[in-house]
Amino acid sequence: MDDEPLSDWAERRDAKIGRLRAVPLVPGEGPKGSHLNPEAPRAIQRWNGYAWEPYGFASDLAETRRILYSEALTPPAAMSAPQPLRSGTGRHRRPR
């Protein structure tokens, strides 16, 4: 069995530090999928490299998504205008 170098493993582990996850707060052994209880509150946890630690709280699924995916929802600052399409010359085009 080939073992990877410890430095590669540590680099991969450190890349995950700061990752967030949401845990639905439902009583008992109820469903844990986010889509099953969209109104249920959620605990937001952050990975510190060794364990999940408390990070925040969300009142429902919509607020949870705003917290977890806030970077994806904000547009980039220097967004360029879309470029117009040019005429193609590839083989997939029909000759005129």
PDB file of N, CA and C in Angstrom:
ATOM      1  N   MET A   1       0.841  -1.178   0.000  1.00  0.00           N
ATOM      2  CA  MET A   1       0.000   0.000   0.000  1.00  0.00           C
ATOM      3  C   MET A   1       0.885   1.239   0.000  1.00  0.00           C
ATOM      4  N   ASP A   2       0.582   2.181  -0.867  1.00  0.00           N
ATOM      5  CA  ASP A   2       1.361   3.413  -0.962  1.00  0.00           C
ATOM      6  C   ASP A   2       0.758   4.457  -0.042  1.00  0.00           C
ATOM      7  N   ASP A   3       1.558   4.942   0.869  1.00  0.00           N
ATOM      8  CA  ASP A   3       1.112   5.991   1.776  1.00  0.00           C
ATOM      9  C   ASP A   3       1.500   7.338   1.194  1.00  0.00           C
ATOM     10  N   GLU A   4       0.617   8.325   1.378  1.00  0.00           N
ATOM     11  CA  GLU A   4       0.939   9.661   0.905  1.00  0.00           C
ATOM     12  C   GLU A   4       1.827  10.349   1.945  1.00  0.00           C
ATOM     13  N   PRO A   5       2.618  11.312   1.522  1.00  0.00           N
ATOM     14  CA  PRO A   5       3.447  12.043   2.482  1.00  0.00           C
ATOM     15  C   PRO A   5       2.575  12.812   3.479  1.00  0.00           C
ATOM     16  N   LEU A   6       3.058  12.929   4.681  1.00  0.00           N
ATOM     17  CA  LEU A   6       2.318  13.623   5.732  1.00  0.00           C
ATOM     18  C   LEU A   6       2.069  15.082   5.356  1.00  0.00           C
ATOM     19  N   SER A   7       3.002  15.706   4.671  1.00  0.00           N
ATOM     20  CA  SER A   7       2.828  17.107   4.283  1.00  0.00           C
ATOM     21  C   SER A   7       1.642  17.271   3.329  1.00  0.00           C
ATOM     22  N   ASP A   8       1.425  16.311   2.413  1.00  0.00           N
ATOM     23  CA  ASP A   8       0.284  16.379   1.501  1.00  0.00           C
ATOM     24  C   ASP A   8      -1.030  16.252   2.263  1.00  0.00           C
ATOM     25  N   TRP A   9      -1.060  15.342   3.228  1.00  0.00           N
ATOM     26  CA  TRP A   9      -2.265  15.150   4.029  1.00  0.00           C
ATOM     27  C   TRP A   9      -2.561  16.407   4.850  1.00  0.00           C
ATOM     28  N   ALA A  10      -1.524  16.996   5.469  1.00  0.00           N
ATOM     29  CA  ALA A  10      -1.713  18.191   6.293  1.00  0.00           C
ATOM     30  C   ALA A  10      -2.179  19.369   5.440  1.00  0.00           C
ATOM     31  N   GLU A  11      -1.655  19.485   4.235  1.00  0.00           N
ATOM     32  CA  GLU A  11      -2.069  20.562   3.339  1.00  0.00           C
ATOM     33  C   GLU A  11      -3.541  20.406   2.959  1.00  0.00           C
ATOM     34  N   ARG A  12      -3.961  19.189   2.686  1.00  0.00           N
ATOM     35  CA  ARG A  12      -5.350  18.920   2.334  1.00  0.00           C
ATOM     36  C   ARG A  12      -6.271  19.187   3.522  1.00  0.00           C
ATOM     37  N   ARG A  13      -5.841  18.807   4.725  1.00  0.00           N
ATOM     38  CA  ARG A  13      -6.643  19.062   5.923  1.00  0.00           C
ATOM     39  C   ARG A  13      -6.749  20.560   6.204  1.00  0.00           C
ATOM     40  N   ASP A  14      -5.648  21.288   6.059  1.00  0.00           N
ATOM     41  CA  ASP A  14      -5.664  22.728   6.335  1.00  0.00           C
ATOM     42  C   ASP A  14      -6.518  23.491   5.336  1.00  0.00           C
ATOM     43  N   ALA A  15      -6.674  22.971   4.130  1.00  0.00           N
ATOM     44  CA  ALA A  15      -7.504  23.642   3.135  1.00  0.00           C
ATOM     45  C   ALA A  15      -8.973  23.633   3.539  1.00  0.00           C
ATOM     46  N   LYS A  16      -9.367  22.719   4.401  1.00  0.00           N
ATOM     47  CA  LYS A  16     -10.768  22.607   4.830  1.00  0.00           C
ATOM     48  C   LYS A  16     -11.086  23.462   6.049  1.00  0.00           C
ATOM     49  N   ILE A  17     -10.076  24.062   6.678  1.00  0.00           N
ATOM     50  CA  ILE A  17     -10.306  24.878   7.870  1.00  0.00           C
ATOM     51  C   ILE A  17     -11.161  26.078   7.494  1.00  0.00           C
ATOM     52  N   GLY A  18     -12.182  26.334   8.280  1.00  0.00           N
ATOM     53  CA  GLY A  18     -13.090  27.443   8.037  1.00  0.00           C
ATOM     54  C   GLY A  18     -14.342  27.046   7.287  1.00  0.00           C
ATOM     55  N   ARG A  19     -14.435  25.806   6.848  1.00  0.00           N
ATOM     56  CA  ARG A  19     -15.628  25.333   6.128  1.00  0.00           C
ATOM     57  C   ARG A  19     -16.822  25.344   7.082  1.00  0.00           C
ATOM     58  N   LEU A  20     -17.971  25.756   6.569  1.00  0.00           N
ATOM     59  CA  LEU A  20     -19.193  25.813   7.369  1.00  0.00           C
ATOM     60  C   LEU A  20     -20.138  24.691   6.981  1.00  0.00           C
ATOM     61  N   ARG A  21     -20.938  24.255   7.959  1.00  0.00           N
ATOM     62  CA  ARG A  21     -22.013  23.305   7.688  1.00  0.00           C
ATOM     63  C   ARG A  21     -23.189  23.638   8.588  1.00  0.00           C
ATOM     64  N   ALA A  22     -24.373  23.206   8.185  1.00  0.00           N
ATOM     65  CA  ALA A  22     -25.590  23.454   8.947  1.00  0.00           C
ATOM     66  C   ALA A  22     -26.144  22.131   9.452  1.00  0.00           C
ATOM     67  N   VAL A  23     -26.589  22.132  10.689  1.00  0.00           N
ATOM     68  CA  VAL A  23     -27.176  20.944  11.303  1.00  0.00           C
ATOM     69  C   VAL A  23     -28.597  21.299  11.728  1.00  0.00           C
ATOM     70  N   PRO A  24     -29.615  20.659  11.129  1.00  0.00           N
ATOM     71  CA  PRO A  24     -30.999  20.954  11.521  1.00  0.00           C
ATOM     72  C   PRO A  24     -31.238  20.589  12.986  1.00  0.00           C
ATOM     73  N   LEU A  25     -31.936  21.448  13.680  1.00  0.00           N
ATOM     74  CA  LEU A  25     -32.265  21.200  15.087  1.00  0.00           C
ATOM     75  C   LEU A  25     -33.674  20.647  15.157  1.00  0.00           C
ATOM     76  N   VAL A  26     -33.791  19.329  15.002  1.00  0.00           N
ATOM     77  CA  VAL A  26     -35.083  18.660  15.069  1.00  0.00           C
ATOM     78  C   VAL A  26     -35.044  17.669  16.223  1.00  0.00           C
ATOM     79  N   PRO A  27     -36.162  17.490  16.913  1.00  0.00           N
ATOM     80  CA  PRO A  27     -36.167  16.569  18.054  1.00  0.00           C
ATOM     81  C   PRO A  27     -36.090  15.109  17.613  1.00  0.00           C
ATOM     82  N   GLY A  28     -35.480  14.301  18.446  1.00  0.00           N
ATOM     83  CA  GLY A  28     -35.430  12.858  18.218  1.00  0.00           C
ATOM     84  C   GLY A  28     -34.612  12.467  17.012  1.00  0.00           C
ATOM     85  N   GLU A  29     -34.981  11.341  16.444  1.00  0.00           N
ATOM     86  CA  GLU A  29     -34.278  10.795  15.281  1.00  0.00           C
ATOM     87  C   GLU A  29     -34.985  11.169  13.989  1.00  0.00           C
ATOM     88  N   GLY A  30     -35.520  12.355  13.933  1.00  0.00           N
ATOM     89  CA  GLY A  30     -36.255  12.806  12.759  1.00  0.00           C
ATOM     90  C   GLY A  30     -35.356  12.989  11.552  1.00  0.00           C
ATOM     91  N   PRO A  31     -35.944  13.362  10.440  1.00  0.00           N
ATOM     92  CA  PRO A  31     -35.161  13.550   9.211  1.00  0.00           C
ATOM     93  C   PRO A  31     -34.135  14.662   9.377  1.00  0.00           C
ATOM     94  N   LYS A  32     -32.943  14.433   8.847  1.00  0.00           N
ATOM     95  CA  LYS A  32     -31.867  15.404   8.967  1.00  0.00           C
ATOM     96  C   LYS A  32     -31.594  16.137   7.661  1.00  0.00           C
ATOM     97  N   GLY A  33     -32.243  15.757   6.566  1.00  0.00           N
ATOM     98  CA  GLY A  33     -32.027  16.420   5.286  1.00  0.00           C
ATOM     99  C   GLY A  33     -32.574  17.841   5.315  1.00  0.00           C
ATOM    100  N   SER A  34     -31.857  18.766   4.709  1.00  0.00           N
ATOM    101  CA  SER A  34     -32.274  20.171   4.755  1.00  0.00           C
ATOM    102  C   SER A  34     -33.592  20.406   4.034  1.00  0.00           C
ATOM    103  N   HIS A  35     -33.857  19.650   2.984  1.00  0.00           N
ATOM    104  CA  HIS A  35     -35.080  19.867   2.220  1.00  0.00           C
ATOM    105  C   HIS A  35     -36.320  19.311   2.912  1.00  0.00           C
ATOM    106  N   LEU A  36     -36.151  18.482   3.935  1.00  0.00           N
ATOM    107  CA  LEU A  36     -37.300  17.857   4.593  1.00  0.00           C
ATOM    108  C   LEU A  36     -37.933  18.750   5.647  1.00  0.00           C
ATOM    109  N   ASN A  37     -37.166  19.593   6.284  1.00  0.00           N
ATOM    110  CA  ASN A  37     -37.678  20.512   7.303  1.00  0.00           C
ATOM    111  C   ASN A  37     -37.194  21.928   7.006  1.00  0.00           C
ATOM    112  N   PRO A  38     -37.717  22.579   5.965  1.00  0.00           N
ATOM    113  CA  PRO A  38     -37.191  23.897   5.617  1.00  0.00           C
ATOM    114  C   PRO A  38     -37.459  24.977   6.659  1.00  0.00           C
ATOM    115  N   GLU A  39     -38.461  24.792   7.510  1.00  0.00           N
ATOM    116  CA  GLU A  39     -38.757  25.791   8.535  1.00  0.00           C
ATOM    117  C   GLU A  39     -37.993  25.556   9.833  1.00  0.00           C
ATOM    118  N   ALA A  40     -37.315  24.424   9.959  1.00  0.00           N
ATOM    119  CA  ALA A  40     -36.609  24.098  11.202  1.00  0.00           C
ATOM    120  C   ALA A  40     -35.369  24.984  11.366  1.00  0.00           C
ATOM    121  N   PRO A  41     -35.081  25.395  12.595  1.00  0.00           N
ATOM    122  CA  PRO A  41     -33.858  26.172  12.834  1.00  0.00           C
ATOM    123  C   PRO A  41     -32.622  25.292  12.648  1.00  0.00           C
ATOM    124  N   ARG A  42     -31.496  25.934  12.404  1.00  0.00           N
ATOM    125  CA  ARG A  42     -30.255  25.203  12.168  1.00  0.00           C
ATOM    126  C   ARG A  42     -29.104  25.817  12.942  1.00  0.00           C
ATOM    127  N   ALA A  43     -28.244  24.956  13.436  1.00  0.00           N
ATOM    128  CA  ALA A  43     -27.002  25.392  14.051  1.00  0.00           C
ATOM    129  C   ALA A  43     -25.932  25.413  12.964  1.00  0.00           C
ATOM    130  N   ILE A  44     -25.213  26.509  12.849  1.00  0.00           N
ATOM    131  CA  ILE A  44     -24.130  26.625  11.882  1.00  0.00           C
ATOM    132  C   ILE A  44     -22.842  26.271  12.617  1.00  0.00           C
ATOM    133  N   GLN A  45     -22.085  25.352  12.035  1.00  0.00           N
ATOM    134  CA  GLN A  45     -20.829  24.910  12.648  1.00  0.00           C
ATOM    135  C   GLN A  45     -19.674  25.191  11.706  1.00  0.00           C
ATOM    136  N   ARG A  46     -18.494  25.430  12.285  1.00  0.00           N
ATOM    137  CA  ARG A  46     -17.282  25.738  11.525  1.00  0.00           C
ATOM    138  C   ARG A  46     -16.207  24.712  11.859  1.00  0.00           C
ATOM    139  N   TRP A  47     -15.523  24.220  10.834  1.00  0.00           N
ATOM    140  CA  TRP A  47     -14.446  23.238  11.027  1.00  0.00           C
ATOM    141  C   TRP A  47     -13.174  23.984  11.390  1.00  0.00           C
ATOM    142  N   ASN A  48     -12.565  23.639  12.534  1.00  0.00           N
ATOM    143  CA  ASN A  48     -11.351  24.318  12.975  1.00  0.00           C
ATOM    144  C   ASN A  48     -10.075  23.513  12.700  1.00  0.00           C
ATOM    145  N   GLY A  49     -10.222  22.416  11.994  1.00  0.00           N
ATOM    146  CA  GLY A  49      -9.068  21.573  11.686  1.00  0.00           C
ATOM    147  C   GLY A  49      -9.051  20.289  12.499  1.00  0.00           C
ATOM    148  N   TYR A  50      -9.818  20.280  13.589  1.00  0.00           N
ATOM    149  CA  TYR A  50      -9.862  19.110  14.456  1.00  0.00           C
ATOM    150  C   TYR A  50     -11.284  18.680  14.798  1.00  0.00           C
ATOM    151  N   ALA A  51     -12.194  19.658  14.899  1.00  0.00           N
ATOM    152  CA  ALA A  51     -13.578  19.349  15.276  1.00  0.00           C
ATOM    153  C   ALA A  51     -14.499  20.454  14.768  1.00  0.00           C
ATOM    154  N   TRP A  52     -15.800  20.149  14.702  1.00  0.00           N
ATOM    155  CA  TRP A  52     -16.798  21.149  14.332  1.00  0.00           C
ATOM    156  C   TRP A  52     -17.127  21.961  15.577  1.00  0.00           C
ATOM    157  N   GLU A  53     -17.014  23.298  15.495  1.00  0.00           N
ATOM    158  CA  GLU A  53     -17.306  24.170  16.630  1.00  0.00           C
ATOM    159  C   GLU A  53     -18.497  25.060  16.304  1.00  0.00           C
ATOM    160  N   PRO A  54     -19.258  25.499  17.313  1.00  0.00           N
ATOM    161  CA  PRO A  54     -20.402  26.368  17.064  1.00  0.00           C
ATOM    162  C   PRO A  54     -19.954  27.669  16.394  1.00  0.00           C
ATOM    163  N   TYR A  55     -20.703  28.115  15.401  1.00  0.00           N
ATOM    164  CA  TYR A  55     -20.345  29.328  14.670  1.00  0.00           C
ATOM    165  C   TYR A  55     -21.500  30.326  14.644  1.00  0.00           C
ATOM    166  N   GLY A  56     -22.727  29.817  14.510  1.00  0.00           N
ATOM    167  CA  GLY A  56     -23.874  30.710  14.439  1.00  0.00           C
ATOM    168  C   GLY A  56     -25.177  29.938  14.471  1.00  0.00           C
ATOM    169  N   PHE A  57     -26.249  30.654  14.179  1.00  0.00           N
ATOM    170  CA  PHE A  57     -27.583  30.086  14.232  1.00  0.00           C
ATOM    171  C   PHE A  57     -28.402  30.679  13.092  1.00  0.00           C
ATOM    172  N   ALA A  58     -29.240  29.859  12.470  1.00  0.00           N
ATOM    173  CA  ALA A  58     -30.144  30.324  11.415  1.00  0.00           C
ATOM    174  C   ALA A  58     -31.556  29.869  11.748  1.00  0.00           C
ATOM    175  N   SER A  59     -32.529  30.715  11.478  1.00  0.00           N
ATOM    176  CA  SER A  59     -33.906  30.407  11.860  1.00  0.00           C
ATOM    177  C   SER A  59     -34.617  29.478  10.887  1.00  0.00           C
ATOM    178  N   ASP A  60     -34.154  29.414   9.624  1.00  0.00           N
ATOM    179  CA  ASP A  60     -34.781  28.525   8.638  1.00  0.00           C
ATOM    180  C   ASP A  60     -33.800  28.229   7.513  1.00  0.00           C
ATOM    181  N   LEU A  61     -34.258  27.461   6.532  1.00  0.00           N
ATOM    182  CA  LEU A  61     -33.390  27.039   5.428  1.00  0.00           C
ATOM    183  C   LEU A  61     -32.928  28.220   4.576  1.00  0.00           C
ATOM    184  N   ALA A  62     -33.802  29.184   4.331  1.00  0.00           N
ATOM    185  CA  ALA A  62     -33.429  30.332   3.501  1.00  0.00           C
ATOM    186  C   ALA A  62     -32.294  31.130   4.134  1.00  0.00           C
ATOM    187  N   GLU A  63     -32.392  31.378   5.422  1.00  0.00           N
ATOM    188  CA  GLU A  63     -31.325  32.107   6.126  1.00  0.00           C
ATOM    189  C   GLU A  63     -30.036  31.283   6.156  1.00  0.00           C
ATOM    190  N   THR A  64     -30.180  29.973   6.306  1.00  0.00           N
ATOM    191  CA  THR A  64     -29.010  29.090   6.304  1.00  0.00           C
ATOM    192  C   THR A  64     -28.271  29.195   4.985  1.00  0.00           C
ATOM    193  N   ARG A  65     -28.996  29.168   3.888  1.00  0.00           N
ATOM    194  CA  ARG A  65     -28.364  29.267   2.567  1.00  0.00           C
ATOM    195  C   ARG A  65     -27.685  30.610   2.375  1.00  0.00           C
ATOM    196  N   ARG A  66     -28.280  31.686   2.903  1.00  0.00           N
ATOM    197  CA  ARG A  66     -27.631  33.000   2.794  1.00  0.00           C
ATOM    198  C   ARG A  66     -26.305  33.013   3.554  1.00  0.00           C
ATOM    199  N   ILE A  67     -26.248  32.336   4.690  1.00  0.00           N
ATOM    200  CA  ILE A  67     -25.008  32.288   5.478  1.00  0.00           C
ATOM    201  C   ILE A  67     -23.970  31.402   4.803  1.00  0.00           C
ATOM    202  N   LEU A  68     -24.367  30.195   4.417  1.00  0.00           N
ATOM    203  CA  LEU A  68     -23.412  29.229   3.865  1.00  0.00           C
ATOM    204  C   LEU A  68     -22.912  29.620   2.485  1.00  0.00           C
ATOM    205  N   TYR A  69     -23.752  30.219   1.677  1.00  0.00           N
ATOM    206  CA  TYR A  69     -23.388  30.501   0.291  1.00  0.00           C
ATOM    207  C   TYR A  69     -23.334  31.994   0.001  1.00  0.00           C
ATOM    208  N   SER A  70     -22.959  32.801   0.987  1.00  0.00           N
ATOM    209  CA  SER A  70     -22.929  34.252   0.796  1.00  0.00           C
ATOM    210  C   SER A  70     -21.932  34.655  -0.275  1.00  0.00           C
ATOM    211  N   GLU A  71     -20.820  33.940  -0.416  1.00  0.00           N
ATOM    212  CA  GLU A  71     -19.826  34.286  -1.432  1.00  0.00           C
ATOM    213  C   GLU A  71     -20.361  34.032  -2.827  1.00  0.00           C
ATOM    214  N   ALA A  72     -21.183  33.005  -2.994  1.00  0.00           N
ATOM    215  CA  ALA A  72     -21.728  32.688  -4.312  1.00  0.00           C
ATOM    216  C   ALA A  72     -22.829  33.673  -4.710  1.00  0.00           C
ATOM    217  N   LEU A  73     -23.478  34.295  -3.736  1.00  0.00           N
ATOM    218  CA  LEU A  73     -24.575  35.207  -4.035  1.00  0.00           C
ATOM    219  C   LEU A  73     -24.102  36.614  -4.357  1.00  0.00           C
ATOM    220  N   THR A  74     -22.907  36.997  -3.896  1.00  0.00           N
ATOM    221  CA  THR A  74     -22.412  38.340  -4.163  1.00  0.00           C
ATOM    222  C   THR A  74     -21.703  38.360  -5.506  1.00  0.00           C
ATOM    223  N   PRO A  75     -22.068  39.306  -6.383  1.00  0.00           N
ATOM    224  CA  PRO A  75     -21.421  39.364  -7.687  1.00  0.00           C
ATOM    225  C   PRO A  75     -19.979  39.848  -7.554  1.00  0.00           C
ATOM    226  N   PRO A  76     -19.093  39.401  -8.438  1.00  0.00           N
ATOM    227  CA  PRO A  76     -17.714  39.874  -8.394  1.00  0.00           C
ATOM    228  C   PRO A  76     -17.654  41.378  -8.626  1.00  0.00           C
ATOM    229  N   ALA A  77     -16.679  42.048  -8.022  1.00  0.00           N
ATOM    230  CA  ALA A  77     -16.575  43.504  -8.110  1.00  0.00           C
ATOM    231  C   ALA A  77     -16.247  43.962  -9.524  1.00  0.00           C
ATOM    232  N   ALA A  78     -15.355  43.273 -10.191  1.00  0.00           N
ATOM    233  CA  ALA A  78     -14.923  43.696 -11.525  1.00  0.00           C
ATOM    234  C   ALA A  78     -15.527  42.777 -12.586  1.00  0.00           C
ATOM    235  N   MET A  79     -16.832  42.795 -12.692  1.00  0.00           N
ATOM    236  CA  MET A  79     -17.509  41.944 -13.670  1.00  0.00           C
ATOM    237  C   MET A  79     -17.488  42.664 -15.013  1.00  0.00           C
ATOM    238  N   SER A  80     -16.937  42.023 -16.027  1.00  0.00           N
ATOM    239  CA  SER A  80     -16.876  42.649 -17.337  1.00  0.00           C
ATOM    240  C   SER A  80     -18.182  42.391 -18.099  1.00  0.00           C
ATOM    241  N   ALA A  81     -18.434  43.259 -19.076  1.00  0.00           N
ATOM    242  CA  ALA A  81     -19.640  43.109 -19.893  1.00  0.00           C
ATOM    243  C   ALA A  81     -19.481  41.890 -20.793  1.00  0.00           C
ATOM    244  N   PRO A  82     -20.568  41.182 -21.087  1.00  0.00           N
ATOM    245  CA  PRO A  82     -20.453  40.013 -21.948  1.00  0.00           C
ATOM    246  C   PRO A  82     -20.015  40.407 -23.359  1.00  0.00           C
ATOM    247  N   GLN A  83     -19.188  39.581 -23.950  1.00  0.00           N
ATOM    248  CA  GLN A  83     -18.690  39.836 -25.296  1.00  0.00           C
ATOM    249  C   GLN A  83     -19.702  39.341 -26.325  1.00  0.00           C
ATOM    250  N   PRO A  84     -19.905  40.106 -27.420  1.00  0.00           N
ATOM    251  CA  PRO A  84     -20.844  39.647 -28.445  1.00  0.00           C
ATOM    252  C   PRO A  84     -20.277  38.436 -29.179  1.00  0.00           C
ATOM    253  N   LEU A  85     -21.167  37.593 -29.690  1.00  0.00           N
ATOM    254  CA  LEU A  85     -20.743  36.409 -30.425  1.00  0.00           C
ATOM    255  C   LEU A  85     -20.208  36.818 -31.784  1.00  0.00           C
ATOM    256  N   ARG A  86     -19.154  36.137 -32.225  1.00  0.00           N
ATOM    257  CA  ARG A  86     -18.584  36.393 -33.546  1.00  0.00           C
ATOM    258  C   ARG A  86     -18.970  35.252 -34.468  1.00  0.00           C
ATOM    259  N   SER A  87     -18.831  35.472 -35.741  1.00  0.00           N
ATOM    260  CA  SER A  87     -19.162  34.409 -36.683  1.00  0.00           C
ATOM    261  C   SER A  87     -18.147  33.287 -36.541  1.00  0.00           C
ATOM    262  N   GLY A  88     -18.624  32.061 -36.543  1.00  0.00           N
ATOM    263  CA  GLY A  88     -17.750  30.911 -36.359  1.00  0.00           C
ATOM    264  C   GLY A  88     -17.188  30.406 -37.675  1.00  0.00           C
ATOM    265  N   THR A  89     -16.051  29.748 -37.584  1.00  0.00           N
ATOM    266  CA  THR A  89     -15.425  29.179 -38.776  1.00  0.00           C
ATOM    267  C   THR A  89     -15.161  27.696 -38.594  1.00  0.00           C
ATOM    268  N   GLY A  90     -15.702  27.106 -37.566  1.00  0.00           N
ATOM    269  CA  GLY A  90     -15.436  25.699 -37.285  1.00  0.00           C
ATOM    270  C   GLY A  90     -16.145  24.765 -38.247  1.00  0.00           C
ATOM    271  N   ARG A  91     -15.798  23.498 -38.186  1.00  0.00           N
ATOM    272  CA  ARG A  91     -16.383  22.504 -39.074  1.00  0.00           C
ATOM    273  C   ARG A  91     -17.846  22.254 -38.773  1.00  0.00           C
ATOM    274  N   HIS A  92     -18.303  22.621 -37.604  1.00  0.00           N
ATOM    275  CA  HIS A  92     -19.690  22.400 -37.237  1.00  0.00           C
ATOM    276  C   HIS A  92     -20.636  23.385 -37.917  1.00  0.00           C
ATOM    277  N   ARG A  93     -20.088  24.404 -38.545  1.00  0.00           N
ATOM    278  CA  ARG A  93     -20.912  25.402 -39.240  1.00  0.00           C
ATOM    279  C   ARG A  93     -21.212  24.929 -40.662  1.00  0.00           C
ATOM    280  N   ARG A  94     -22.373  25.263 -41.148  1.00  0.00           N
ATOM    281  CA  ARG A  94     -22.721  24.944 -42.538  1.00  0.00           C
ATOM    282  C   ARG A  94     -22.064  25.951 -43.463  1.00  0.00           C
ATOM    283  N   PRO A  95     -21.542  25.516 -44.582  1.00  0.00           N
ATOM    284  CA  PRO A  95     -20.971  26.476 -45.526  1.00  0.00           C
ATOM    285  C   PRO A  95     -22.082  27.321 -46.158  1.00  0.00           C
ATOM    286  N   ARG A  96     -21.763  28.554 -46.462  1.00  0.00           N
ATOM    287  CA  ARG A  96     -22.765  29.456 -47.057  1.00  0.00           C
ATOM    288  C   ARG A  96     -22.673  29.463 -48.541  1.00  0.00           C
TER     289      ARG A  96
END
